[in-house]
Amino acid sequence: MSEVDETEENPVLNFNGQEYPIADLTDEQKYLVNQIQDIENQLSPLRAKTHQLTRAKEGFVSDLEAALTPPEE
């Protein structure tokens, strides 16, 4: 996708196998890069929350299966 290397003195955008100096980008291009970075930052905790909720659901499904299984005599 896209990645900005900000550790350099002159940051570079790596996008689709190409490198673009940030200083050479237009204001619109910089805006779009910032939007993508912001969306990635928002998606990260949502992915973690989805994972947590999926695992919790699996636990409840397992508990229900156990509760519905008649005890062996």
C-alpha atoms as a PDB file:
ATOM      1  CA  MET A   1       0.000   0.000   0.000  1.00  0.00           C
ATOM      2  CA  SER A   2       1.764   3.132   1.179  1.00  0.00           C
ATOM      3  CA  GLU A   3       4.365   3.890   3.753  1.00  0.00           C
ATOM      4  CA  VAL A   4       6.136   7.101   4.660  1.00  0.00           C
ATOM      5  CA  ASP A   5       9.712   6.806   5.882  1.00  0.00           C
ATOM      6  CA  GLU A   6       9.942   9.741   8.288  1.00  0.00           C
ATOM      7  CA  THR A   7      13.273   8.742   9.818  1.00  0.00           C
ATOM      8  CA  GLU A   8      15.165  10.378   6.996  1.00  0.00           C
ATOM      9  CA  GLU A   9      15.942  14.067   6.738  1.00  0.00           C
ATOM     10  CA  ASN A  10      13.883  14.109   3.540  1.00  0.00           C
ATOM     11  CA  PRO A  11      10.870  11.820   4.082  1.00  0.00           C
ATOM     12  CA  VAL A  12       9.917   9.532   1.202  1.00  0.00           C
ATOM     13  CA  LEU A  13       6.570   7.946   0.370  1.00  0.00           C
ATOM     14  CA  ASN A  14       6.862   4.298  -0.723  1.00  0.00           C
ATOM     15  CA  PHE A  15       3.750   3.557  -2.783  1.00  0.00           C
ATOM     16  CA  ASN A  16       3.165   0.649  -5.170  1.00  0.00           C
ATOM     17  CA  GLY A  17       6.891  -0.016  -5.473  1.00  0.00           C
ATOM     18  CA  GLN A  18       7.764   3.591  -6.222  1.00  0.00           C
ATOM     19  CA  GLU A  19       9.427   6.193  -4.029  1.00  0.00           C
ATOM     20  CA  TYR A  20       8.157   9.768  -3.920  1.00  0.00           C
ATOM     21  CA  PRO A  21       9.891  12.520  -1.920  1.00  0.00           C
ATOM     22  CA  ILE A  22       7.241  14.058   0.328  1.00  0.00           C
ATOM     23  CA  ALA A  23       8.599  17.522  -0.447  1.00  0.00           C
ATOM     24  CA  ASP A  24       7.707  16.963  -4.120  1.00  0.00           C
ATOM     25  CA  LEU A  25       4.081  16.026  -3.468  1.00  0.00           C
ATOM     26  CA  THR A  26       1.261  18.475  -4.096  1.00  0.00           C
ATOM     27  CA  ASP A  27      -0.945  19.584  -1.220  1.00  0.00           C
ATOM     28  CA  GLU A  28      -3.680  17.251  -2.488  1.00  0.00           C
ATOM     29  CA  GLN A  29      -1.277  14.295  -2.586  1.00  0.00           C
ATOM     30  CA  LYS A  30      -0.070  15.071   0.946  1.00  0.00           C
ATOM     31  CA  TYR A  31      -3.702  15.294   2.073  1.00  0.00           C
ATOM     32  CA  LEU A  32      -4.447  11.872   0.570  1.00  0.00           C
ATOM     33  CA  VAL A  33      -1.371  10.338   2.219  1.00  0.00           C
ATOM     34  CA  ASN A  34      -2.455  11.801   5.559  1.00  0.00           C
ATOM     35  CA  GLN A  35      -5.969  10.418   5.093  1.00  0.00           C
ATOM     36  CA  ILE A  36      -4.610   6.933   4.381  1.00  0.00           C
ATOM     37  CA  GLN A  37      -2.355   7.096   7.445  1.00  0.00           C
ATOM     38  CA  ASP A  38      -5.265   8.248   9.617  1.00  0.00           C
ATOM     39  CA  ILE A  39      -7.498   5.450   8.342  1.00  0.00           C
ATOM     40  CA  GLU A  40      -4.774   2.877   9.042  1.00  0.00           C
ATOM     41  CA  ASN A  41      -4.441   4.267  12.574  1.00  0.00           C
ATOM     42  CA  GLN A  42      -8.209   3.922  13.068  1.00  0.00           C
ATOM     43  CA  LEU A  43      -8.340   0.413  11.591  1.00  0.00           C
ATOM     44  CA  SER A  44      -5.632  -1.014  13.833  1.00  0.00           C
ATOM     45  CA  PRO A  45      -7.617  -0.906  17.105  1.00  0.00           C
ATOM     46  CA  LEU A  46     -10.744  -2.062  15.260  1.00  0.00           C
ATOM     47  CA  ARG A  47      -8.887  -5.147  14.030  1.00  0.00           C
ATOM     48  CA  ALA A  48      -7.762  -5.863  17.586  1.00  0.00           C
ATOM     49  CA  LYS A  49     -11.291  -5.378  18.925  1.00  0.00           C
ATOM     50  CA  THR A  50     -12.707  -7.658  16.209  1.00  0.00           C
ATOM     51  CA  HIS A  51     -10.186 -10.321  17.175  1.00  0.00           C
ATOM     52  CA  GLN A  52     -11.093  -9.996  20.857  1.00  0.00           C
ATOM     53  CA  LEU A  53     -14.825 -10.188  20.162  1.00  0.00           C
ATOM     54  CA  THR A  54     -14.397 -13.174  17.856  1.00  0.00           C
ATOM     55  CA  ARG A  55     -12.457 -15.040  20.539  1.00  0.00           C
ATOM     56  CA  ALA A  56     -15.057 -14.120  23.157  1.00  0.00           C
ATOM     57  CA  LYS A  57     -17.866 -15.356  20.896  1.00  0.00           C
ATOM     58  CA  GLU A  58     -16.005 -18.629  20.343  1.00  0.00           C
ATOM     59  CA  GLY A  59     -15.775 -19.039  24.108  1.00  0.00           C
ATOM     60  CA  PHE A  60     -19.507 -18.484  24.582  1.00  0.00           C
ATOM     61  CA  VAL A  61     -20.320 -20.898  21.758  1.00  0.00           C
ATOM     62  CA  SER A  62     -18.107 -23.486  23.437  1.00  0.00           C
ATOM     63  CA  ASP A  63     -19.821 -22.844  26.777  1.00  0.00           C
ATOM     64  CA  LEU A  64     -23.248 -23.249  25.161  1.00  0.00           C
ATOM     65  CA  GLU A  65     -22.218 -26.515  23.516  1.00  0.00           C
ATOM     66  CA  ALA A  66     -21.058 -27.805  26.902  1.00  0.00           C
ATOM     67  CA  ALA A  67     -24.252 -26.622  28.607  1.00  0.00           C
ATOM     68  CA  LEU A  68     -26.443 -28.367  26.009  1.00  0.00           C
ATOM     69  CA  THR A  69     -24.556 -31.640  26.200  1.00  0.00           C
ATOM     70  CA  PRO A  70     -26.332 -33.994  28.599  1.00  0.00           C
ATOM     71  CA  PRO A  71     -24.128 -35.243  31.414  1.00  0.00           C
ATOM     72  CA  GLU A  72     -22.855 -38.775  31.067  1.00  0.00           C
ATOM     73  CA  GLU A  73     -24.093 -41.257  33.606  1.00  0.00           C
END
